[in-house]
Each structure stands twice: as structure tokens, then as C-alpha cells.
PDB file of N, CA and C in Angstrom:
ATOM      1  N   MET A   1      -5.367  15.108  21.485  1.00  0.00           N
ATOM      2  CA  MET A   1      -6.451  14.253  21.915  1.00  0.00           C
ATOM      3  C   MET A   1      -7.148  13.685  20.694  1.00  0.00           C
ATOM      4  N   LYS A   2      -7.493  12.432  20.777  1.00  0.00           N
ATOM      5  CA  LYS A   2      -8.138  11.768  19.655  1.00  0.00           C
ATOM      6  C   LYS A   2      -9.583  12.230  19.544  1.00  0.00           C
ATOM      7  N   ARG A   3     -10.038  12.374  18.312  1.00  0.00           N
ATOM      8  CA  ARG A   3     -11.415  12.800  18.069  1.00  0.00           C
ATOM      9  C   ARG A   3     -12.203  11.625  17.520  1.00  0.00           C
ATOM     10  N   TYR A   4     -13.383  11.418  18.085  1.00  0.00           N
ATOM     11  CA  TYR A   4     -14.262  10.342  17.645  1.00  0.00           C
ATOM     12  C   TYR A   4     -15.543  10.953  17.100  1.00  0.00           C
ATOM     13  N   ASN A   5     -16.129  10.288  16.126  1.00  0.00           N
ATOM     14  CA  ASN A   5     -17.413  10.710  15.583  1.00  0.00           C
ATOM     15  C   ASN A   5     -18.506  10.124  16.477  1.00  0.00           C
ATOM     16  N   LEU A   6     -18.997  10.935  17.407  1.00  0.00           N
ATOM     17  CA  LEU A   6     -19.952  10.451  18.405  1.00  0.00           C
ATOM     18  C   LEU A   6     -21.270  10.046  17.766  1.00  0.00           C
ATOM     19  N   SER A   7     -21.682  10.773  16.754  1.00  0.00           N
ATOM     20  CA  SER A   7     -22.939  10.448  16.081  1.00  0.00           C
ATOM     21  C   SER A   7     -22.862   9.073  15.438  1.00  0.00           C
ATOM     22  N   GLU A   8     -21.753   8.804  14.798  1.00  0.00           N
ATOM     23  CA  GLU A   8     -21.575   7.498  14.157  1.00  0.00           C
ATOM     24  C   GLU A   8     -21.539   6.375  15.193  1.00  0.00           C
ATOM     25  N   ILE A   9     -20.890   6.620  16.320  1.00  0.00           N
ATOM     26  CA  ILE A   9     -20.808   5.603  17.370  1.00  0.00           C
ATOM     27  C   ILE A   9     -22.190   5.310  17.937  1.00  0.00           C
ATOM     28  N   MET A  10     -22.967   6.350  18.198  1.00  0.00           N
ATOM     29  CA  MET A  10     -24.304   6.144  18.768  1.00  0.00           C
ATOM     30  C   MET A  10     -25.237   5.454  17.774  1.00  0.00           C
ATOM     31  N   THR A  11     -25.190   5.850  16.498  1.00  0.00           N
ATOM     32  CA  THR A  11     -26.065   5.197  15.516  1.00  0.00           C
ATOM     33  C   THR A  11     -25.667   3.736  15.320  1.00  0.00           C
ATOM     34  N   THR A  12     -24.372   3.467  15.322  1.00  0.00           N
ATOM     35  CA  THR A  12     -23.920   2.082  15.191  1.00  0.00           C
ATOM     36  C   THR A  12     -24.350   1.254  16.398  1.00  0.00           C
ATOM     37  N   ALA A  13     -24.226   1.842  17.590  1.00  0.00           N
ATOM     38  CA  ALA A  13     -24.635   1.130  18.802  1.00  0.00           C
ATOM     39  C   ALA A  13     -26.135   0.868  18.789  1.00  0.00           C
ATOM     40  N   HIS A  14     -26.919   1.865  18.394  1.00  0.00           N
ATOM     41  CA  HIS A  14     -28.374   1.685  18.360  1.00  0.00           C
ATOM     42  C   HIS A  14     -28.765   0.619  17.337  1.00  0.00           C
ATOM     43  N   ARG A  15     -28.147   0.667  16.169  1.00  0.00           N
ATOM     44  CA  ARG A  15     -28.451  -0.312  15.128  1.00  0.00           C
ATOM     45  C   ARG A  15     -28.045  -1.723  15.570  1.00  0.00           C
ATOM     46  N   THR A  16     -26.884  -1.832  16.201  1.00  0.00           N
ATOM     47  CA  THR A  16     -26.427  -3.138  16.676  1.00  0.00           C
ATOM     48  C   THR A  16     -27.351  -3.673  17.762  1.00  0.00           C
ATOM     49  N   TYR A  17     -27.764  -2.792  18.676  1.00  0.00           N
ATOM     50  CA  TYR A  17     -28.678  -3.226  19.736  1.00  0.00           C
ATOM     51  C   TYR A  17     -30.017  -3.644  19.152  1.00  0.00           C
ATOM     52  N   LYS A  18     -30.486  -2.895  18.180  1.00  0.00           N
ATOM     53  CA  LYS A  18     -31.806  -3.165  17.598  1.00  0.00           C
ATOM     54  C   LYS A  18     -31.837  -4.506  16.879  1.00  0.00           C
ATOM     55  N   TYR A  19     -30.803  -4.806  16.099  1.00  0.00           N
ATOM     56  CA  TYR A  19     -30.830  -6.004  15.259  1.00  0.00           C
ATOM     57  C   TYR A  19     -30.109  -7.212  15.860  1.00  0.00           C
ATOM     58  N   VAL A  20     -29.160  -7.003  16.745  1.00  0.00           N
ATOM     59  CA  VAL A  20     -28.370  -8.119  17.260  1.00  0.00           C
ATOM     60  C   VAL A  20     -28.457  -8.222  18.782  1.00  0.00           C
ATOM     61  N   GLY A  21     -28.314  -7.093  19.458  1.00  0.00           N
ATOM     62  CA  GLY A  21     -28.208  -7.094  20.911  1.00  0.00           C
ATOM     63  C   GLY A  21     -29.415  -7.662  21.622  1.00  0.00           C
ATOM     64  N   LYS A  22     -30.601  -7.296  21.177  1.00  0.00           N
ATOM     65  CA  LYS A  22     -31.819  -7.802  21.816  1.00  0.00           C
ATOM     66  C   LYS A  22     -31.913  -9.313  21.688  1.00  0.00           C
ATOM     67  N   LYS A  23     -31.562  -9.819  20.525  1.00  0.00           N
ATOM     68  CA  LYS A  23     -31.667 -11.260  20.280  1.00  0.00           C
ATOM     69  C   LYS A  23     -30.657 -12.050  21.101  1.00  0.00           C
ATOM     70  N   GLN A  24     -29.518 -11.434  21.393  1.00  0.00           N
ATOM     71  CA  GLN A  24     -28.493 -12.125  22.176  1.00  0.00           C
ATOM     72  C   GLN A  24     -28.625 -11.844  23.667  1.00  0.00           C
ATOM     73  N   GLY A  25     -29.596 -11.018  24.044  1.00  0.00           N
ATOM     74  CA  GLY A  25     -29.827 -10.727  25.453  1.00  0.00           C
ATOM     75  C   GLY A  25     -28.879  -9.710  26.043  1.00  0.00           C
ATOM     76  N   GLU A  26     -28.274  -8.863  25.222  1.00  0.00           N
ATOM     77  CA  GLU A  26     -27.365  -7.838  25.721  1.00  0.00           C
ATOM     78  C   GLU A  26     -28.145  -6.565  26.017  1.00  0.00           C
ATOM     79  N   THR A  27     -27.634  -5.789  26.965  1.00  0.00           N
ATOM     80  CA  THR A  27     -28.247  -4.498  27.244  1.00  0.00           C
ATOM     81  C   THR A  27     -27.653  -3.458  26.305  1.00  0.00           C
ATOM     82  N   PHE A  28     -28.307  -2.284  26.243  1.00  0.00           N
ATOM     83  CA  PHE A  28     -27.801  -1.225  25.373  1.00  0.00           C
ATOM     84  C   PHE A  28     -26.435  -0.746  25.855  1.00  0.00           C
ATOM     85  N   GLY A  29     -26.210  -0.744  27.155  1.00  0.00           N
ATOM     86  CA  GLY A  29     -24.918  -0.329  27.706  1.00  0.00           C
ATOM     87  C   GLY A  29     -23.786  -1.237  27.266  1.00  0.00           C
ATOM     88  N   GLU A  30     -24.043  -2.527  27.253  1.00  0.00           N
ATOM     89  CA  GLU A  30     -23.017  -3.472  26.808  1.00  0.00           C
ATOM     90  C   GLU A  30     -22.698  -3.276  25.326  1.00  0.00           C
ATOM     91  N   VAL A  31     -23.747  -3.062  24.542  1.00  0.00           N
ATOM     92  CA  VAL A  31     -23.540  -2.842  23.108  1.00  0.00           C
ATOM     93  C   VAL A  31     -22.790  -1.537  22.875  1.00  0.00           C
ATOM     94  N   LEU A  32     -23.136  -0.494  23.628  1.00  0.00           N
ATOM     95  CA  LEU A  32     -22.458   0.796  23.492  1.00  0.00           C
ATOM     96  C   LEU A  32     -20.982   0.674  23.876  1.00  0.00           C
ATOM     97  N   LYS A  33     -20.703  -0.085  24.924  1.00  0.00           N
ATOM     98  CA  LYS A  33     -19.317  -0.291  25.351  1.00  0.00           C
ATOM     99  C   LYS A  33     -18.512  -1.006  24.267  1.00  0.00           C
ATOM    100  N   SER A  34     -19.096  -2.036  23.667  1.00  0.00           N
ATOM    101  CA  SER A  34     -18.376  -2.758  22.610  1.00  0.00           C
ATOM    102  C   SER A  34     -18.202  -1.887  21.367  1.00  0.00           C
ATOM    103  N   THR A  35     -19.185  -1.021  21.088  1.00  0.00           N
ATOM    104  CA  THR A  35     -19.061  -0.114  19.944  1.00  0.00           C
ATOM    105  C   THR A  35     -17.936   0.889  20.171  1.00  0.00           C
ATOM    106  N   TRP A  36     -17.792   1.390  21.410  1.00  0.00           N
ATOM    107  CA  TRP A  36     -16.692   2.296  21.728  1.00  0.00           C
ATOM    108  C   TRP A  36     -15.346   1.600  21.557  1.00  0.00           C
ATOM    109  N   MET A  37     -15.256   0.359  22.009  1.00  0.00           N
ATOM    110  CA  MET A  37     -13.996  -0.378  21.845  1.00  0.00           C
ATOM    111  C   MET A  37     -13.663  -0.551  20.368  1.00  0.00           C
ATOM    112  N   LEU A  38     -14.674  -0.846  19.550  1.00  0.00           N
ATOM    113  CA  LEU A  38     -14.438  -0.986  18.110  1.00  0.00           C
ATOM    114  C   LEU A  38     -13.996   0.334  17.487  1.00  0.00           C
ATOM    115  N   ALA A  39     -14.579   1.449  17.938  1.00  0.00           N
ATOM    116  CA  ALA A  39     -14.196   2.759  17.403  1.00  0.00           C
ATOM    117  C   ALA A  39     -12.744   3.076  17.753  1.00  0.00           C
ATOM    118  N   LYS A  40     -12.330   2.740  18.972  1.00  0.00           N
ATOM    119  CA  LYS A  40     -10.947   2.985  19.381  1.00  0.00           C
ATOM    120  C   LYS A  40      -9.975   2.128  18.576  1.00  0.00           C
ATOM    121  N   VAL A  41     -10.349   0.875  18.355  1.00  0.00           N
ATOM    122  CA  VAL A  41      -9.495  -0.021  17.566  1.00  0.00           C
ATOM    123  C   VAL A  41      -9.405   0.470  16.123  1.00  0.00           C
ATOM    124  N   ALA A  42     -10.538   0.914  15.569  1.00  0.00           N
ATOM    125  CA  ALA A  42     -10.546   1.406  14.186  1.00  0.00           C
ATOM    126  C   ALA A  42      -9.670   2.642  14.042  1.00  0.00           C
ATOM    127  N   LEU A  43      -9.697   3.532  15.036  1.00  0.00           N
ATOM    128  CA  LEU A  43      -8.860   4.726  14.986  1.00  0.00           C
ATOM    129  C   LEU A  43      -7.382   4.359  15.071  1.00  0.00           C
ATOM    130  N   ALA A  44      -7.050   3.423  15.948  1.00  0.00           N
ATOM    131  CA  ALA A  44      -5.650   2.993  16.071  1.00  0.00           C
ATOM    132  C   ALA A  44      -5.169   2.341  14.782  1.00  0.00           C
ATOM    133  N   MET A  45      -6.027   1.531  14.170  1.00  0.00           N
ATOM    134  CA  MET A  45      -5.646   0.880  12.915  1.00  0.00           C
ATOM    135  C   MET A  45      -5.477   1.898  11.799  1.00  0.00           C
ATOM    136  N   SER A  46      -6.332   2.919  11.759  1.00  0.00           N
ATOM    137  CA  SER A  46      -6.201   3.923  10.708  1.00  0.00           C
ATOM    138  C   SER A  46      -4.914   4.725  10.884  1.00  0.00           C
ATOM    139  N   GLU A  47      -4.522   4.985  12.135  1.00  0.00           N
ATOM    140  CA  GLU A  47      -3.253   5.678  12.373  1.00  0.00           C
ATOM    141  C   GLU A  47      -2.077   4.823  11.918  1.00  0.00           C
ATOM    142  N   ASN A  48      -2.137   3.520  12.200  1.00  0.00           N
ATOM    143  CA  ASN A  48      -1.063   2.624  11.759  1.00  0.00           C
ATOM    144  C   ASN A  48      -1.006   2.547  10.244  1.00  0.00           C
ATOM    145  N   GLU A  49      -2.175   2.512   9.599  1.00  0.00           N
ATOM    146  CA  GLU A  49      -2.205   2.480   8.138  1.00  0.00           C
ATOM    147  C   GLU A  49      -1.631   3.762   7.557  1.00  0.00           C
ATOM    148  N   GLU A  50      -1.911   4.890   8.196  1.00  0.00           N
ATOM    149  CA  GLU A  50      -1.376   6.169   7.724  1.00  0.00           C
ATOM    150  C   GLU A  50       0.151   6.183   7.840  1.00  0.00           C
ATOM    151  N   LYS A  51       0.677   5.668   8.957  1.00  0.00           N
ATOM    152  CA  LYS A  51       2.131   5.606   9.122  1.00  0.00           C
ATOM    153  C   LYS A  51       2.759   4.694   8.073  1.00  0.00           C
ATOM    154  N   ALA A  52       2.119   3.561   7.822  1.00  0.00           N
ATOM    155  CA  ALA A  52       2.642   2.625   6.824  1.00  0.00           C
ATOM    156  C   ALA A  52       2.593   3.240   5.431  1.00  0.00           C
ATOM    157  N   ARG A  53       1.529   3.985   5.145  1.00  0.00           N
ATOM    158  CA  ARG A  53       1.407   4.622   3.833  1.00  0.00           C
ATOM    159  C   ARG A  53       2.483   5.687   3.657  1.00  0.00           C
ATOM    160  N   GLN A  54       2.735   6.480   4.707  1.00  0.00           N
ATOM    161  CA  GLN A  54       3.780   7.495   4.634  1.00  0.00           C
ATOM    162  C   GLN A  54       5.156   6.849   4.446  1.00  0.00           C
ATOM    163  N   ALA A  55       5.388   5.725   5.118  1.00  0.00           N
ATOM    164  CA  ALA A  55       6.673   5.032   4.974  1.00  0.00           C
ATOM    165  C   ALA A  55       6.848   4.496   3.560  1.00  0.00           C
ATOM    166  N   SER A  56       5.772   3.961   2.974  1.00  0.00           N
ATOM    167  CA  SER A  56       5.882   3.441   1.611  1.00  0.00           C
ATOM    168  C   SER A  56       6.085   4.571   0.608  1.00  0.00           C
ATOM    169  N   ILE A  57       5.462   5.727   0.844  1.00  0.00           N
ATOM    170  CA  ILE A  57       5.671   6.878  -0.038  1.00  0.00           C
ATOM    171  C   ILE A  57       7.121   7.340   0.045  1.00  0.00           C
ATOM    172  N   LYS A  58       7.674   7.372   1.265  1.00  0.00           N
ATOM    173  CA  LYS A  58       9.067   7.786   1.437  1.00  0.00           C
ATOM    174  C   LYS A  58      10.014   6.811   0.746  1.00  0.00           C
ATOM    175  N   LYS A  59       9.742   5.522   0.893  1.00  0.00           N
ATOM    176  CA  LYS A  59      10.579   4.506   0.264  1.00  0.00           C
ATOM    177  C   LYS A  59      10.513   4.605  -1.257  1.00  0.00           C
ATOM    178  N   ALA A  60       9.318   4.841  -1.795  1.00  0.00           N
ATOM    179  CA  ALA A  60       9.164   4.972  -3.241  1.00  0.00           C
ATOM    180  C   ALA A  60       9.887   6.212  -3.760  1.00  0.00           C
ATOM    181  N   SER A  61       9.836   7.307  -3.006  1.00  0.00           N
ATOM    182  CA  SER A  61      10.533   8.516  -3.453  1.00  0.00           C
ATOM    183  C   SER A  61      12.046   8.321  -3.417  1.00  0.00           C
ATOM    184  N   GLU A  62      12.544   7.575  -2.420  1.00  0.00           N
ATOM    185  CA  GLU A  62      13.978   7.285  -2.380  1.00  0.00           C
ATOM    186  C   GLU A  62      14.395   6.435  -3.576  1.00  0.00           C
ATOM    187  N   LYS A  63      13.582   5.442  -3.920  1.00  0.00           N
ATOM    188  CA  LYS A  63      13.884   4.616  -5.091  1.00  0.00           C
ATOM    189  C   LYS A  63      13.862   5.451  -6.363  1.00  0.00           C
ATOM    190  N   ARG A  64      12.899   6.358  -6.452  1.00  0.00           N
ATOM    191  CA  ARG A  64      12.796   7.218  -7.627  1.00  0.00           C
ATOM    192  C   ARG A  64      14.035   8.095  -7.760  1.00  0.00           C
ATOM    193  N   GLU A  65      14.539   8.616  -6.631  1.00  0.00           N
ATOM    194  CA  GLU A  65      15.750   9.430  -6.662  1.00  0.00           C
ATOM    195  C   GLU A  65      16.951   8.610  -7.111  1.00  0.00           C
ATOM    196  N   ILE A  66      17.031   7.371  -6.663  1.00  0.00           N
ATOM    197  CA  ILE A  66      18.141   6.506  -7.069  1.00  0.00           C
ATOM    198  C   ILE A  66      18.096   6.268  -8.570  1.00  0.00           C
ATOM    199  N   VAL A  67      16.899   6.015  -9.093  1.00  0.00           N
ATOM    200  CA  VAL A  67      16.762   5.763 -10.529  1.00  0.00           C
ATOM    201  C   VAL A  67      17.110   7.011 -11.326  1.00  0.00           C
ATOM    202  N   LEU A  68      16.692   8.171 -10.849  1.00  0.00           N
ATOM    203  CA  LEU A  68      16.970   9.406 -11.580  1.00  0.00           C
ATOM    204  C   LEU A  68      18.450   9.774 -11.537  1.00  0.00           C
ATOM    205  N   ASN A  69      19.152   9.352 -10.509  1.00  0.00           N
ATOM    206  CA  ASN A  69      20.564   9.704 -10.363  1.00  0.00           C
ATOM    207  C   ASN A  69      21.511   8.679 -10.981  1.00  0.00           C
ATOM    208  N   THR A  70      20.990   7.712 -11.733  1.00  0.00           N
ATOM    209  CA  THR A  70      21.870   6.739 -12.372  1.00  0.00           C
ATOM    210  C   THR A  70      22.633   7.403 -13.513  1.00  0.00           C
ATOM    211  N   ASN A  71      23.641   6.730 -13.971  1.00  0.00           N
ATOM    212  CA  ASN A  71      24.467   7.253 -15.048  1.00  0.00           C
ATOM    213  C   ASN A  71      23.640   7.353 -16.327  1.00  0.00           C
ATOM    214  N   SER A  72      23.563   8.542 -16.904  1.00  0.00           N
ATOM    215  CA  SER A  72      22.716   8.746 -18.081  1.00  0.00           C
ATOM    216  C   SER A  72      23.281   8.059 -19.321  1.00  0.00           C
ATOM    217  N   SER A  73      24.593   7.836 -19.377  1.00  0.00           N
ATOM    218  CA  SER A  73      25.155   7.167 -20.550  1.00  0.00           C
ATOM    219  C   SER A  73      24.741   5.702 -20.594  1.00  0.00           C
ATOM    220  N   PHE A  74      24.420   5.139 -19.451  1.00  0.00           N
ATOM    221  CA  PHE A  74      23.957   3.756 -19.417  1.00  0.00           C
ATOM    222  C   PHE A  74      22.599   3.629 -20.102  1.00  0.00           C
ATOM    223  N   ASN A  75      21.767   4.642 -19.988  1.00  0.00           N
ATOM    224  CA  ASN A  75      20.424   4.603 -20.540  1.00  0.00           C
ATOM    225  C   ASN A  75      20.321   5.264 -21.917  1.00  0.00           C
ATOM    226  N   SER A  76      21.437   5.566 -22.531  1.00  0.00           N
ATOM    227  CA  SER A  76      21.374   6.262 -23.814  1.00  0.00           C
ATOM    228  C   SER A  76      20.857   5.328 -24.905  1.00  0.00           C
ATOM    229  N   LEU A  77      20.179   5.902 -25.875  1.00  0.00           N
ATOM    230  CA  LEU A  77      19.596   5.123 -26.965  1.00  0.00           C
ATOM    231  C   LEU A  77      20.395   5.234 -28.259  1.00  0.00           C
ATOM    232  N   ASP A  78      21.521   5.905 -28.233  1.00  0.00           N
ATOM    233  CA  ASP A  78      22.329   6.053 -29.442  1.00  0.00           C
ATOM    234  C   ASP A  78      23.369   4.930 -29.539  1.00  0.00           C
ATOM    235  N   LEU A  79      22.908   3.696 -29.467  1.00  0.00           N
ATOM    236  CA  LEU A  79      23.789   2.540 -29.558  1.00  0.00           C
ATOM    237  C   LEU A  79      23.982   2.135 -31.011  1.00  0.00           C
ATOM    238  N   LYS A  80      25.146   1.615 -31.303  1.00  0.00           N
ATOM    239  CA  LYS A  80      25.447   1.144 -32.647  1.00  0.00           C
ATOM    240  C   LYS A  80      25.357  -0.371 -32.678  1.00  0.00           C
ATOM    241  N   TRP A  81      25.439  -0.918 -33.874  1.00  0.00           N
ATOM    242  CA  TRP A  81      25.366  -2.364 -34.045  1.00  0.00           C
ATOM    243  C   TRP A  81      26.518  -3.040 -33.319  1.00  0.00           C
ATOM    244  N   GLU A  82      27.676  -2.423 -33.331  1.00  0.00           N
ATOM    245  CA  GLU A  82      28.852  -3.008 -32.712  1.00  0.00           C
ATOM    246  C   GLU A  82      28.731  -3.047 -31.185  1.00  0.00           C
ATOM    247  N   ASP A  83      27.935  -2.145 -30.622  1.00  0.00           N
ATOM    248  CA  ASP A  83      27.763  -2.140 -29.171  1.00  0.00           C
ATOM    249  C   ASP A  83      26.932  -3.328 -28.696  1.00  0.00           C
ATOM    250  N   MET A  84      26.019  -3.789 -29.533  1.00  0.00           N
ATOM    251  CA  MET A  84      25.128  -4.874 -29.134  1.00  0.00           C
ATOM    252  C   MET A  84      25.648  -6.244 -29.550  1.00  0.00           C
ATOM    253  N   TYR A  85      26.212  -6.339 -30.752  1.00  0.00           N
ATOM    254  CA  TYR A  85      26.611  -7.634 -31.296  1.00  0.00           C
ATOM    255  C   TYR A  85      28.118  -7.668 -31.485  1.00  0.00           C
ATOM    256  N   VAL A  86      28.741  -8.646 -30.913  1.00  0.00           N
ATOM    257  CA  VAL A  86      30.170  -8.829 -31.137  1.00  0.00           C
ATOM    258  C   VAL A  86      30.344  -9.659 -32.408  1.00  0.00           C
ATOM    259  N   PRO A  87      31.519  -9.613 -33.044  1.00  0.00           N
ATOM    260  CA  PRO A  87      31.675 -10.306 -34.333  1.00  0.00           C
ATOM    261  C   PRO A  87      31.440 -11.808 -34.267  1.00  0.00           C
ATOM    262  N   ASN A  88      31.669 -12.444 -33.137  1.00  0.00           N
ATOM    263  CA  ASN A  88      31.500 -13.891 -33.078  1.00  0.00           C
ATOM    264  C   ASN A  88      30.149 -14.286 -32.462  1.00  0.00           C
ATOM    265  N   SER A  89      29.155 -13.426 -32.563  1.00  0.00           N
ATOM    266  CA  SER A  89      27.868 -13.725 -31.942  1.00  0.00           C
ATOM    267  C   SER A  89      26.885 -14.374 -32.908  1.00  0.00           C
ATOM    268  N   ARG A  90      27.368 -14.831 -34.058  1.00  0.00           N
ATOM    269  CA  ARG A  90      26.472 -15.478 -35.015  1.00  0.00           C
ATOM    270  C   ARG A  90      26.217 -16.907 -34.582  1.00  0.00           C
ATOM    271  N   GLY A  91      24.962 -17.298 -34.657  1.00  0.00           N
ATOM    272  CA  GLY A  91      24.594 -18.642 -34.266  1.00  0.00           C
ATOM    273  C   GLY A  91      24.184 -19.464 -35.469  1.00  0.00           C
ATOM    274  N   TYR A  92      23.367 -20.451 -35.244  1.00  0.00           N
ATOM    275  CA  TYR A  92      22.895 -21.350 -36.291  1.00  0.00           C
ATOM    276  C   TYR A  92      22.108 -20.560 -37.326  1.00  0.00           C
ATOM    277  N   MET A  93      22.409 -20.693 -38.577  1.00  0.00           N
ATOM    278  CA  MET A  93      21.768 -20.030 -39.715  1.00  0.00           C
ATOM    279  C   MET A  93      21.852 -18.507 -39.627  1.00  0.00           C
ATOM    280  N   GLY A  94      22.923 -17.981 -39.023  1.00  0.00           N
ATOM    281  CA  GLY A  94      23.177 -16.545 -39.029  1.00  0.00           C
ATOM    282  C   GLY A  94      22.440 -15.760 -37.964  1.00  0.00           C
ATOM    283  N   SER A  95      21.812 -16.419 -37.010  1.00  0.00           N
ATOM    284  CA  SER A  95      21.102 -15.680 -35.963  1.00  0.00           C
ATOM    285  C   SER A  95      22.105 -14.975 -35.061  1.00  0.00           C
ATOM    286  N   GLN A  96      21.680 -13.880 -34.497  1.00  0.00           N
ATOM    287  CA  GLN A  96      22.569 -13.099 -33.650  1.00  0.00           C
ATOM    288  C   GLN A  96      22.020 -13.061 -32.225  1.00  0.00           C
ATOM    289  N   TYR A  97      22.878 -13.412 -31.297  1.00  0.00           N
ATOM    290  CA  TYR A  97      22.488 -13.397 -29.896  1.00  0.00           C
ATOM    291  C   TYR A  97      22.939 -12.087 -29.288  1.00  0.00           C
ATOM    292  N   CYS A  98      22.012 -11.376 -28.680  1.00  0.00           N
ATOM    293  CA  CYS A  98      22.288 -10.053 -28.133  1.00  0.00           C
ATOM    294  C   CYS A  98      22.947 -10.133 -26.760  1.00  0.00           C
ATOM    295  N   GLY A  99      22.751 -11.222 -26.055  1.00  0.00           N
ATOM    296  CA  GLY A  99      23.378 -11.375 -24.758  1.00  0.00           C
ATOM    297  C   GLY A  99      22.489 -10.985 -23.603  1.00  0.00           C
ATOM    298  N   ASP A 100      21.199 -10.864 -23.839  1.00  0.00           N
ATOM    299  CA  ASP A 100      20.329 -10.479 -22.725  1.00  0.00           C
ATOM    300  C   ASP A 100      19.412 -11.575 -22.297  1.00  0.00           C
TER     301      ASP A 100
END
């Protein structure tokens, strides 16, 4: 069963009735009803946000696992000059193109 903060709902309804409801000609019951509807919508939205957040965390962890399981020799830093530059990679005035 969903739990609502009744104190917050009543204070919000009273504040809304005091500052807005009287001026618009609404009764306290109408304002309380609209406040309850807003509380229900807010709870539903927070549940959807929680599901979306959990899904994004799961997706990020899957990506992290993929990155960690890549071939370690691909990411090695012990590269030599010959691995990066081929003999015919000299350009204008001796510049070397790495190929990236």
C-alpha cells in the first residue's frame, strides 16, 4: 500500500486555500481534493523516476563490465616507435602522421 505524508498534504491544502483558493472562489474541499490528486501524481512520478534511475545504473554497470573485459593487450602502454609510425609515414618537412 502506498504511503502518503498526510501532514504535508494538509498543510499544502491549507496554504493553497489560504492564498489561492479563496480568491478563486474554491471551497476547502475542492482544494483538498486537488492536493490529494497532486500527491498521487507526485508519488507515481517518483516511482517512475526510481525505476528509470535503477535502469540507468544497470546499463552503466553493464557498460563498465564490457570495458573491463576488453583485451588488455589493446590498452597496453608499452608501445614502440615502430608500432605507431610506419616507415612511409613521413610527410612534408619530416612530420609524422600517427594515423588517428
